[in-house]
Protein backbone atom coordinates (compact mmCIF):
# COMPACT_ATOMS: atom_id res chain seq x y z
CA MET A 1 -1.69 22.27 -9.97
CA THR A 2 -2.58 19.79 -12.70
CA ASN A 3 -0.32 17.71 -14.88
CA THR A 4 -1.05 17.48 -18.57
CA THR A 5 -2.18 14.17 -20.02
CA ASP A 6 1.27 13.72 -21.61
CA THR A 7 3.02 14.33 -18.29
CA ARG A 8 0.82 11.83 -16.46
CA SER A 9 1.32 9.27 -19.24
CA ALA A 10 5.09 9.69 -18.99
CA ALA A 11 4.93 9.24 -15.22
CA LEU A 12 2.80 6.10 -15.63
CA ALA A 13 5.46 4.77 -17.99
CA VAL A 14 8.10 5.33 -15.30
CA LEU A 15 5.94 3.45 -12.81
CA HIS A 16 5.39 0.60 -15.27
CA GLU A 17 9.05 0.25 -16.18
CA GLY A 18 10.11 0.09 -12.55
CA THR A 19 11.91 2.58 -10.35
CA VAL A 20 12.94 3.59 -6.84
CA ILE A 21 10.00 5.11 -4.93
CA PRO A 22 10.75 6.23 -1.37
CA ALA A 23 7.82 6.26 1.03
CA HIS A 24 7.94 9.90 2.11
CA PRO A 25 8.35 10.69 5.83
CA LEU A 26 6.75 13.60 7.64
CA ALA A 27 9.01 16.43 8.84
CA LEU A 28 7.75 17.96 12.08
CA THR A 29 8.92 20.70 14.41
CA ALA A 30 9.46 20.07 18.12
CA GLU A 31 5.88 21.33 18.58
CA ARG A 32 4.72 18.56 16.23
CA ARG A 33 3.70 20.97 13.49
CA LEU A 34 4.51 20.51 9.83
CA ASP A 35 8.00 21.78 8.97
CA GLY A 36 7.31 22.87 5.41
CA ALA A 37 10.90 23.74 4.56
CA ARG A 38 12.21 20.35 5.62
CA GLN A 39 9.26 18.50 4.08
CA ARG A 40 10.19 20.20 0.81
CA ALA A 41 13.88 19.41 1.36
CA LEU A 42 13.10 15.71 1.73
CA SER A 43 11.31 15.64 -1.64
CA ARG A 44 14.23 17.50 -3.24
CA TYR A 45 16.67 15.02 -1.72
CA TYR A 46 14.81 12.03 -3.13
CA LEU A 47 14.61 13.51 -6.62
CA ASP A 48 18.28 14.55 -6.68
CA ALA A 49 19.20 11.09 -5.39
CA GLY A 50 17.65 9.68 -8.57
CA ALA A 51 14.34 8.34 -7.30
CA GLY A 52 11.79 7.94 -10.07
CA GLY A 53 8.81 8.50 -7.82
CA LEU A 54 7.53 9.63 -4.44
CA ALA A 55 4.90 7.93 -2.30
CA VAL A 56 3.12 10.44 -0.04
CA GLY A 57 0.34 10.01 2.51
CA VAL A 58 1.42 6.43 3.19
CA HIS A 59 2.44 4.63 6.41
CA THR A 60 5.86 6.33 6.56
CA THR A 61 4.14 9.72 6.20
CA GLN A 62 2.00 8.72 9.21
CA PHE A 63 -1.67 7.95 8.62
CA ALA A 64 -2.59 10.43 11.39
CA ILE A 65 -1.84 13.34 9.03
CA ARG A 66 -5.50 13.13 8.10
CA GLU A 67 -6.69 13.77 11.65
CA HIS A 68 -4.28 16.72 11.92
CA GLY A 69 -5.32 18.41 8.67
CA LEU A 70 -1.96 17.68 7.02
CA PHE A 71 -2.96 15.30 4.21
CA GLU A 72 -3.56 18.04 1.65
CA PRO A 73 -0.47 20.15 2.53
CA VAL A 74 1.97 17.24 2.34
CA LEU A 75 0.54 16.06 -0.97
CA GLU A 76 0.78 19.58 -2.34
CA ILE A 77 4.39 20.08 -1.22
CA SER A 78 5.70 16.95 -2.96
CA ALA A 79 3.68 17.64 -6.10
CA GLY A 80 5.10 21.16 -6.21
CA VAL A 81 8.67 19.92 -5.82
CA ALA A 82 8.18 17.29 -8.53
CA ALA A 83 6.90 19.99 -10.91
CA ASP A 84 9.50 22.64 -10.12
CA TRP A 85 12.68 20.78 -9.15
CA THR A 86 13.21 18.42 -12.11
CA ASP A 87 12.30 18.03 -15.76
CA ARG A 88 12.07 14.23 -15.39
CA PRO A 89 8.64 12.60 -15.28
CA ILE A 90 8.06 11.56 -11.67
CA ALA A 91 5.65 8.83 -10.59
CA LEU A 92 3.73 10.48 -7.76
CA VAL A 93 1.80 7.95 -5.69
CA ALA A 94 -0.67 9.12 -3.04
CA GLY A 95 -1.80 6.87 -0.22
CA VAL A 96 -5.58 6.66 0.21
CA VAL A 97 -7.35 5.05 3.15
CA GLY A 98 -10.71 4.66 4.85
CA ASP A 99 -14.18 3.84 3.59
CA THR A 100 -15.11 4.29 -0.05
CA GLU A 101 -16.27 7.88 0.35
CA GLN A 102 -13.04 8.91 2.06
CA ALA A 103 -10.80 7.00 -0.34
CA VAL A 104 -12.54 8.42 -3.42
CA THR A 105 -12.33 11.94 -1.98
CA GLU A 106 -8.60 11.48 -1.32
CA ALA A 107 -8.07 10.07 -4.80
CA ARG A 108 -9.78 13.09 -6.37
CA LEU A 109 -7.58 15.42 -4.32
CA ALA A 110 -4.47 13.55 -5.45
CA ARG A 111 -5.60 13.80 -9.06
CA SER A 112 -6.08 17.56 -8.68
CA PHE A 113 -2.43 17.88 -7.60
CA GLY A 114 -1.23 15.88 -10.60
CA TYR A 115 -0.53 12.57 -8.87
CA THR A 116 0.06 9.59 -11.11
CA ALA A 117 -1.69 6.87 -9.10
CA VAL A 118 -3.00 6.07 -5.65
CA ILE A 119 -1.87 3.22 -3.42
CA LEU A 120 -4.89 1.69 -1.77
CA ASN A 121 -4.64 0.76 1.90
CA VAL A 122 -7.67 -1.32 2.88
CA ALA A 123 -6.78 -1.78 6.56
CA ALA A 124 -10.10 -0.14 7.54
CA TRP A 125 -11.89 -3.02 5.80
CA LYS A 126 -10.45 -5.75 8.02
CA GLY A 127 -13.12 -8.33 8.80
CA ARG A 128 -15.32 -7.35 5.85
CA PRO A 129 -16.11 -9.78 3.01
CA GLU A 130 -13.52 -9.72 0.25
CA SER A 131 -16.31 -9.08 -2.26
CA ASP A 132 -17.01 -5.76 -0.49
CA ILE A 133 -13.32 -4.86 -0.53
CA LEU A 134 -13.18 -5.53 -4.26
CA GLU A 135 -16.15 -3.22 -4.88
CA HIS A 136 -14.32 -0.57 -2.87
CA CYS A 137 -11.21 -1.05 -5.02
CA ARG A 138 -13.25 -0.75 -8.22
CA ALA A 139 -14.80 2.51 -7.02
CA VAL A 140 -11.38 4.05 -6.36
CA ALA A 141 -10.02 2.71 -9.66
CA ALA A 142 -12.81 4.58 -11.43
CA GLU A 143 -11.17 7.80 -10.20
CA MET A 144 -7.42 7.12 -10.49
CA PRO A 145 -4.95 4.41 -11.52
CA VAL A 146 -4.53 2.13 -8.52
CA VAL A 147 -1.54 0.48 -6.88
CA GLY A 148 -2.59 -2.50 -4.78
CA PHE A 149 -1.00 -3.01 -1.38
CA ALA A 150 -0.40 -6.27 0.47
CA LEU A 151 0.36 -4.95 3.96
CA LEU A 152 1.63 -7.18 6.76
CA PRO A 153 -0.50 -7.38 9.92
CA GLU A 154 2.29 -6.10 12.21
CA VAL A 155 1.82 -2.56 10.87
CA GLY A 156 -1.96 -2.61 10.61
CA GLY A 157 -2.67 -4.67 7.52
CA PHE A 158 -4.19 -8.10 7.02
CA HIS A 159 -3.70 -10.93 4.57
CA LEU A 160 -6.01 -11.29 1.56
CA SER A 161 -6.61 -14.51 -0.34
CA TYR A 162 -5.29 -15.67 -3.67
CA GLU A 163 -8.82 -15.34 -5.03
CA PHE A 164 -8.95 -11.70 -3.95
CA TRP A 165 -5.71 -10.87 -5.75
CA TYR A 166 -6.88 -12.74 -8.85
CA ARG A 167 -10.06 -10.62 -8.99
CA PHE A 168 -8.16 -7.48 -8.07
CA ALA A 169 -5.70 -8.01 -10.94
CA GLN A 170 -8.64 -8.10 -13.35
CA ILE A 171 -9.55 -4.48 -12.53
CA GLU A 172 -8.47 -2.60 -15.64
CA ASN A 173 -7.12 0.51 -13.91
CA VAL A 174 -4.86 -1.40 -11.54
CA VAL A 175 -1.36 -0.44 -12.71
CA ALA A 176 0.87 -1.90 -9.98
CA ILE A 177 0.91 -3.94 -6.78
CA LYS A 178 3.20 -3.37 -3.83
CA LEU A 179 4.09 -6.76 -2.37
CA ALA A 180 4.68 -6.34 1.36
CA PRO A 181 3.41 -9.41 3.20
CA PHE A 182 6.97 -10.18 4.47
CA ASN A 183 6.18 -13.79 3.59
CA ARG A 184 7.52 -15.70 0.58
CA TYR A 185 4.44 -17.91 0.29
CA ARG A 186 2.03 -14.97 0.22
CA THR A 187 4.31 -13.00 -2.11
CA LEU A 188 4.25 -15.94 -4.52
CA ASP A 189 0.47 -16.19 -4.15
CA ILE A 190 0.03 -12.63 -5.41
CA VAL A 191 2.39 -13.13 -8.34
CA ARG A 192 0.52 -16.33 -9.26
CA ALA A 193 -2.78 -14.44 -9.13
CA VAL A 194 -1.52 -11.71 -11.46
CA VAL A 195 -0.30 -14.30 -13.98
CA ALA A 196 -3.56 -16.28 -13.75
CA ALA A 197 -5.45 -13.05 -14.50
CA ARG A 198 -3.18 -12.52 -17.55
CA ALA A 199 -2.26 -9.13 -16.15
CA GLU A 200 1.51 -9.52 -15.88
CA ASP A 201 2.13 -7.13 -18.79
CA ARG A 202 -0.19 -4.45 -17.38
CA ILE A 203 0.57 -4.63 -13.66
CA ALA A 204 4.03 -3.65 -12.44
CA LEU A 205 5.14 -5.53 -9.35
CA TYR A 206 6.92 -3.56 -6.63
CA THR A 207 8.62 -4.93 -3.56
CA GLY A 208 7.67 -3.69 -0.14
CA ASN A 209 9.29 -6.71 1.52
CA ASP A 210 11.92 -4.82 3.49
CA ASP A 211 13.44 -8.09 4.66
CA HIS A 212 14.18 -9.25 1.09
CA ILE A 213 14.70 -6.13 -1.05
CA VAL A 214 17.70 -7.09 -3.17
CA LEU A 215 16.66 -10.67 -3.91
CA ASP A 216 13.10 -9.58 -4.67
CA LEU A 217 14.54 -7.34 -7.39
CA LEU A 218 17.05 -9.92 -8.63
CA GLN A 219 15.06 -13.13 -8.57
CA PRO A 220 12.57 -13.81 -11.37
CA PHE A 221 9.41 -15.74 -10.66
CA VAL A 222 8.49 -18.57 -13.05
CA ILE A 223 4.76 -19.26 -12.95
CA PRO A 224 3.09 -22.19 -14.77
CA ARG A 225 0.11 -21.23 -16.95
CA ASP A 226 -1.58 -23.32 -19.65
CA GLY A 227 1.36 -25.69 -19.94
CA GLU A 228 3.93 -22.93 -20.23
CA LEU A 229 6.25 -21.21 -17.76
CA VAL A 230 5.66 -17.46 -17.52
CA PRO A 231 8.62 -15.41 -16.26
CA VAL A 232 7.70 -12.42 -14.07
CA SER A 233 9.96 -9.92 -12.32
CA ILE A 234 9.51 -7.39 -9.55
CA VAL A 235 10.49 -4.22 -11.38
CA GLY A 236 10.91 -1.70 -8.58
CA GLY A 237 10.44 -0.90 -4.93
CA LEU A 238 8.09 1.33 -2.98
CA LEU A 239 9.72 1.25 0.41
CA GLY A 240 9.94 3.10 3.68
CA HIS A 241 13.49 1.76 3.92
CA TRP A 242 14.34 3.73 0.79
CA SER A 243 13.37 6.97 2.54
CA VAL A 244 16.90 6.89 3.97
CA TRP A 245 20.25 6.40 2.24
CA THR A 246 18.31 6.93 -0.97
CA ARG A 247 21.26 7.76 -3.21
CA ALA A 248 22.85 4.45 -2.25
CA ALA A 249 19.53 2.68 -2.85
CA VAL A 250 19.32 4.13 -6.37
CA GLU A 251 22.86 2.97 -7.11
CA GLN A 252 22.02 -0.53 -5.83
CA PHE A 253 18.84 -0.59 -7.93
CA GLU A 254 20.73 0.34 -11.09
CA ARG A 255 23.29 -2.40 -10.43
CA ILE A 256 20.50 -4.91 -9.91
CA ARG A 257 18.66 -3.84 -13.04
CA ALA A 258 21.85 -4.14 -15.11
CA ALA A 259 22.40 -7.67 -13.77
CA ARG A 260 18.97 -9.04 -14.65
CA GLY A 261 19.13 -11.90 -17.11
CA GLN A 262 22.87 -12.36 -16.56
CA ALA A 263 25.07 -14.33 -14.21
CA VAL A 264 24.83 -12.62 -10.84
CA SER A 265 27.91 -12.17 -8.70
CA ALA A 266 28.12 -13.58 -5.20
CA GLU A 267 28.83 -10.05 -3.98
CA LEU A 268 25.54 -8.74 -5.39
CA LEU A 269 23.64 -11.70 -3.99
CA GLY A 270 25.27 -11.08 -0.63
CA LEU A 271 24.11 -7.48 -0.68
CA ASP A 272 20.65 -8.75 0.22
CA SER A 273 21.71 -9.81 3.72
CA ARG A 274 23.57 -6.52 4.27
CA VAL A 275 20.58 -4.38 3.28
CA THR A 276 18.33 -6.58 5.44
CA ASP A 277 20.70 -6.11 8.37
CA CYS A 278 20.42 -2.33 7.99
CA ASN A 279 16.66 -2.60 7.74
CA GLU A 280 16.50 -4.68 10.92
CA ALA A 281 18.00 -1.75 12.81
CA ILE A 282 16.35 1.19 11.10
CA TYR A 283 12.94 -0.46 10.81
CA ASP A 284 13.09 -1.97 14.30
CA ALA A 285 12.24 -5.47 13.12
CA LEU A 286 13.18 -7.05 16.45
CA ASN A 287 10.38 -5.08 18.11
CA ASP A 288 7.75 -5.88 15.45
CA PHE A 289 8.51 -2.56 13.65
CA ALA A 290 7.27 -0.41 16.55
CA GLY A 291 10.07 2.11 15.92
CA CYS A 292 10.17 1.97 12.14
CA ILE A 293 9.11 5.58 11.49
CA PRO A 294 11.28 7.08 14.26
CA GLY A 295 14.13 4.90 12.99
CA CYS A 296 13.93 6.42 9.52
CA LEU A 297 13.65 9.90 11.03
CA GLU A 298 16.72 9.24 13.20
CA VAL A 299 18.85 8.57 10.13
CA LEU A 300 17.50 11.71 8.46
CA ARG A 301 18.13 13.66 11.68
CA ARG A 302 21.76 12.59 11.73
CA GLN A 303 22.10 13.84 8.18
CA GLY A 304 20.46 17.19 8.98
CA LEU A 305 17.41 16.67 6.78
CA VAL A 306 15.01 16.75 9.74
CA GLU A 307 15.49 18.26 13.18
CA GLY A 308 14.12 15.41 15.28
CA THR A 309 12.36 12.06 15.36
CA TRP A 310 9.05 13.54 16.47
CA CYS A 311 5.88 11.77 15.34
CA LEU A 312 2.29 12.96 15.56
CA ASP A 313 1.69 10.27 18.17
CA GLU A 314 3.90 11.21 21.12
CA ALA A 315 4.12 7.54 22.10
CA GLU A 316 5.71 6.61 18.75
CA VAL A 317 9.40 6.71 19.64
CA LEU A 318 12.58 4.74 19.11
CA SER A 319 12.54 1.36 20.85
CA PRO A 320 15.00 0.49 23.63
CA GLY A 321 18.29 -0.49 22.01
CA GLN A 322 17.31 0.80 18.57
CA LEU A 323 19.78 3.70 18.62
CA GLU A 324 22.59 1.27 19.35
CA GLU A 325 21.48 -0.94 16.47
CA ILE A 326 21.49 2.04 14.10
CA ASP A 327 25.00 2.92 15.36
CA ARG A 328 26.05 -0.66 14.65
CA VAL A 329 24.86 -0.79 11.03
CA TYR A 330 26.37 2.63 10.37
CA SER A 331 29.68 1.21 11.60
CA VAL A 332 29.70 -2.18 9.86
CA HIS A 333 28.11 -1.08 6.54
CA PRO A 334 29.71 2.34 5.92
CA ASP A 335 29.41 2.02 2.14
CA LEU A 336 25.61 1.69 2.28
CA ASN A 337 24.87 5.18 3.58
CA ASP A 338 24.78 8.38 1.53
CA ASP A 339 25.86 10.85 4.20
CA GLY A 340 28.46 12.45 1.91
CA PHE A 341 25.92 13.01 -0.84
CA VAL A 342 23.48 14.63 1.59
CA ALA A 343 26.17 16.85 3.11
CA ARG A 344 27.12 18.21 -0.32
CA HIS A 345 23.55 19.25 -1.18
CA LEU A 346 21.75 19.88 2.10
CA GLU A 347 22.07 23.68 2.08
CA ARG A 348 20.56 23.87 -1.40
CA TRP A 349 17.66 21.58 -0.50
CA LEU A 350 16.82 23.67 2.55
CA ALA A 351 16.94 26.97 0.68
CA ASP A 352 13.68 28.74 -0.22
């Protein structure tokens, strides 16, 4: 399955303009085997909800899919849905991990399925010199357009320096960066590095800061350069949090995009704390995100999109008290879920 050059260019344009990209979960049976019908239904749900892209093979999909022989099947399922379910160009982003040989091999596989770009997780390079990590990034960028990834340590990442991001932004085939350090200082560092590299027009910035989604998308950065102030905006989100209540997330994103450059209402500003409150429960922030994947799966289970919260690692389960927290945010933020939308379409998404 291979996209034409025009199709891939159109998808890159979607990525560059900014869109909603859910980080795709993994649908498993009770026996912890891939549930192909529900995996397909999830992709259909995201596209019908209005998402402009899908991120597959990433943290929310569970990195262990590689050890279980599921990396290729899950990439193929989402690529097939994107080709068959909609006429819109869809930005398909594949997660790639490991050493350079593994990452390049995964990037080539993603390209063969018509993926638009790869998001590069360098967690395996922790403790290595940043110069080595940059060479690794350049090797992958020679195969596919690359989305950089600043991943917080609590979920397996590590912080990289301003100098790293400055050099990374100079790599010509870097098309976006997902900002997910959950830290305003480090987020600003990366934006500064992109502007210093004069790459702000080429590199699309995406939020992965689940604790600050709405304000990340609303608030422009103003970065000094050569005596001038350069305005830069985060144009979209690539988020595990957007794997649930996705229709509502798309509606929020469109409201935010329409408000850019205008006076922003207090209600829209206040939405940031409400979305963060929901994320605290679903993503299990109080327990250092230990239950983040089961939390997303629990919401999808309640909606009927998946049958259970099973993960490949049997020890990866909801944290104590997390169910009650999810009940709470369902109760106090009823307008932020999309249960009605899912109920209207679920049968069609699950059909062969």
